[in-house]
Amino acid sequence: MIPAVNVNAAIQNLGVTAKGAMKVPSNTTDVGWFELGPRPGEKGSAVIAGHFNNENGGAGVFINLYKLRKDDKLYIEDDKGTSIAFVVRESRIYNPGYADEVFGGTDSAHLNLITCDGVWDGTKKSFSKRLVVFTDKLTFTRGAGE
């Protein structure tokens, strides 16, 4: 759930294509978690992808991802019903082939959201850029007297 951009989507588990790239969700309304990496909330960089639009140019689940700003919050509900909160740190535009920063290891829990950006190339059937929103897991501490 990403309240700031009105997203409430189901999560598909995604692996890799025969060429070694991350698969994409099978429809434009769900998002996909890269299941070969950490689960959201675990130490490391979990990655979730969502389509920008559909084949006819209609809105995909992440069409408004570019509107997220620093300190916006998002939430993942795991298979046990536990909600994990994340806060946006920054957004970046990449050329395809950006894997190290997005999928790289870290000592804390992050969730990186990916969608298409740039110009549509009909020959390659792909957009020229990728938008990545980097988020950090929120940790709550109890104050004195709680």
Protein backbone atom coordinates (compact mmCIF):
# COMPACT_ATOMS: atom_id res chain seq x y z
CA MET A 1 0.00 0.00 0.00
CA ILE A 2 1.30 3.42 -1.01
CA PRO A 3 -1.28 5.96 0.20
CA ALA A 4 0.43 9.01 -1.39
CA VAL A 5 -0.17 7.61 -4.90
CA ASN A 6 -3.31 5.55 -4.18
CA VAL A 7 -1.71 2.10 -4.65
CA ASN A 8 -3.09 -1.01 -2.96
CA ALA A 9 -1.83 -3.99 -4.93
CA ALA A 10 -1.37 -7.72 -4.61
CA ILE A 11 2.21 -8.99 -4.72
CA GLN A 12 3.38 -11.69 -7.12
CA ASN A 13 6.62 -13.63 -6.58
CA LEU A 14 9.08 -13.06 -9.44
CA GLY A 15 12.25 -14.83 -10.49
CA VAL A 16 14.49 -14.22 -13.50
CA THR A 17 14.10 -14.59 -17.25
CA ALA A 18 16.23 -16.93 -19.37
CA LYS A 19 18.49 -13.92 -20.04
CA GLY A 20 18.98 -13.32 -16.31
CA ALA A 21 16.81 -10.21 -15.98
CA MET A 22 14.17 -9.80 -13.29
CA LYS A 23 10.78 -10.99 -14.52
CA VAL A 24 7.88 -8.51 -14.49
CA PRO A 25 4.38 -8.91 -13.05
CA SER A 26 1.97 -10.83 -15.29
CA ASN A 27 -0.58 -8.00 -15.22
CA THR A 28 -0.61 -4.23 -14.77
CA THR A 29 -2.56 -4.15 -11.49
CA ASP A 30 -0.24 -6.29 -9.32
CA VAL A 31 3.34 -5.65 -8.28
CA GLY A 32 6.09 -8.24 -8.18
CA TRP A 33 8.64 -9.02 -5.50
CA PHE A 34 12.04 -10.35 -6.63
CA GLU A 35 11.96 -13.58 -4.63
CA LEU A 36 15.68 -14.34 -5.11
CA GLY A 37 16.50 -11.38 -2.87
CA PRO A 38 15.51 -10.48 0.69
CA ARG A 39 11.87 -10.35 1.71
CA PRO A 40 10.61 -6.83 2.45
CA GLY A 41 11.59 -6.00 6.01
CA GLU A 42 14.62 -8.32 6.09
CA LYS A 43 18.20 -7.03 6.08
CA GLY A 44 19.21 -6.10 2.53
CA SER A 45 17.55 -4.50 -0.47
CA ALA A 46 14.19 -6.08 -1.28
CA VAL A 47 12.94 -5.15 -4.76
CA ILE A 48 9.36 -4.74 -5.99
CA ALA A 49 8.51 -3.91 -9.61
CA GLY A 50 5.27 -2.65 -11.13
CA HIS A 51 4.16 -1.70 -14.61
CA PHE A 52 3.96 1.96 -15.63
CA ASN A 53 1.19 1.26 -18.16
CA ASN A 54 -0.43 -1.50 -20.19
CA GLU A 55 -0.07 -2.40 -23.87
CA ASN A 56 -2.82 0.06 -24.82
CA GLY A 57 -1.25 2.94 -22.87
CA GLY A 58 -3.67 2.66 -19.93
CA ALA A 59 -2.48 3.27 -16.40
CA GLY A 60 -0.40 0.61 -14.67
CA VAL A 61 -0.09 0.19 -10.91
CA PHE A 62 3.06 2.37 -10.73
CA ILE A 63 2.01 5.11 -13.18
CA ASN A 64 2.21 7.71 -10.39
CA LEU A 65 5.33 6.36 -8.66
CA TYR A 66 7.24 9.47 -9.81
CA LYS A 67 5.04 11.55 -7.48
CA LEU A 68 6.52 9.98 -4.34
CA ARG A 69 8.62 12.35 -2.29
CA LYS A 70 11.12 12.03 0.54
CA ASP A 71 9.39 10.96 3.78
CA ASP A 72 6.28 9.51 2.05
CA LYS A 73 5.37 6.19 3.66
CA LEU A 74 4.41 2.83 2.21
CA TYR A 75 3.40 -0.46 3.77
CA ILE A 76 3.86 -4.14 2.97
CA GLU A 77 1.65 -6.75 4.56
CA ASP A 78 3.44 -10.09 4.82
CA ASP A 79 1.89 -13.54 4.52
CA LYS A 80 1.27 -13.57 8.29
CA GLY A 81 -0.74 -10.32 8.20
CA THR A 82 2.03 -8.21 9.75
CA SER A 83 2.39 -4.71 8.30
CA ILE A 84 5.91 -3.40 7.68
CA ALA A 85 6.37 0.36 7.16
CA PHE A 86 8.92 2.00 4.88
CA VAL A 87 9.78 5.64 4.24
CA VAL A 88 10.96 7.11 0.92
CA ARG A 89 14.59 8.21 0.96
CA GLU A 90 15.05 9.26 -2.70
CA SER A 91 14.17 8.55 -6.32
CA ARG A 92 16.55 8.10 -9.26
CA ILE A 93 16.30 7.55 -13.01
CA TYR A 94 18.55 4.86 -14.51
CA ASN A 95 19.44 3.42 -17.87
CA PRO A 96 18.77 -0.34 -18.06
CA GLY A 97 21.60 -2.26 -16.36
CA TYR A 98 21.51 -0.51 -12.97
CA ALA A 99 21.38 -3.70 -10.89
CA ASP A 100 24.22 -3.14 -8.43
CA GLU A 101 22.72 -0.15 -6.60
CA VAL A 102 19.17 -1.46 -6.67
CA PHE A 103 19.76 -5.10 -5.72
CA GLY A 104 22.99 -4.65 -3.72
CA GLY A 105 23.43 -5.84 -0.16
CA THR A 106 23.27 -3.63 2.90
CA ASP A 107 23.32 -3.99 6.67
CA SER A 108 19.82 -2.59 7.12
CA ALA A 109 16.38 -3.24 5.60
CA HIS A 110 15.39 -1.39 2.43
CA LEU A 111 12.67 -1.72 -0.18
CA ASN A 112 13.36 -0.47 -3.70
CA LEU A 113 10.45 0.10 -6.09
CA ILE A 114 11.02 -0.06 -9.86
CA THR A 115 8.96 0.99 -12.86
CA CYS A 116 9.56 2.15 -16.41
CA ASP A 117 10.32 5.73 -17.36
CA GLY A 118 11.63 7.61 -20.37
CA VAL A 119 10.59 7.05 -23.99
CA TRP A 120 8.83 3.99 -25.41
CA ASP A 121 10.89 2.12 -28.02
CA GLY A 122 8.47 0.15 -30.19
CA THR A 123 11.27 -1.90 -31.73
CA LYS A 124 12.65 -3.06 -28.37
CA LYS A 125 9.17 -3.03 -26.80
CA SER A 126 10.63 -1.31 -23.77
CA PHE A 127 11.00 2.11 -22.18
CA SER A 128 14.42 3.79 -22.34
CA LYS A 129 14.77 4.43 -18.58
CA ARG A 130 13.85 3.00 -15.20
CA LEU A 131 12.59 4.91 -12.17
CA VAL A 132 13.74 3.53 -8.83
CA VAL A 133 12.33 4.73 -5.52
CA PHE A 134 14.59 3.86 -2.60
CA THR A 135 12.95 3.38 0.81
CA ASP A 136 14.14 2.48 4.30
CA LYS A 137 12.33 0.32 6.83
CA LEU A 138 10.81 2.37 9.61
CA THR A 139 11.70 1.26 13.08
CA PHE A 140 9.66 2.40 16.01
CA THR A 141 11.03 2.99 19.46
CA ARG A 142 8.96 3.41 22.56
CA GLY A 143 9.33 6.59 24.52
CA ALA A 144 9.72 6.82 28.27
CA GLY A 145 6.59 5.91 30.17
CA GLU A 146 5.10 3.68 27.45
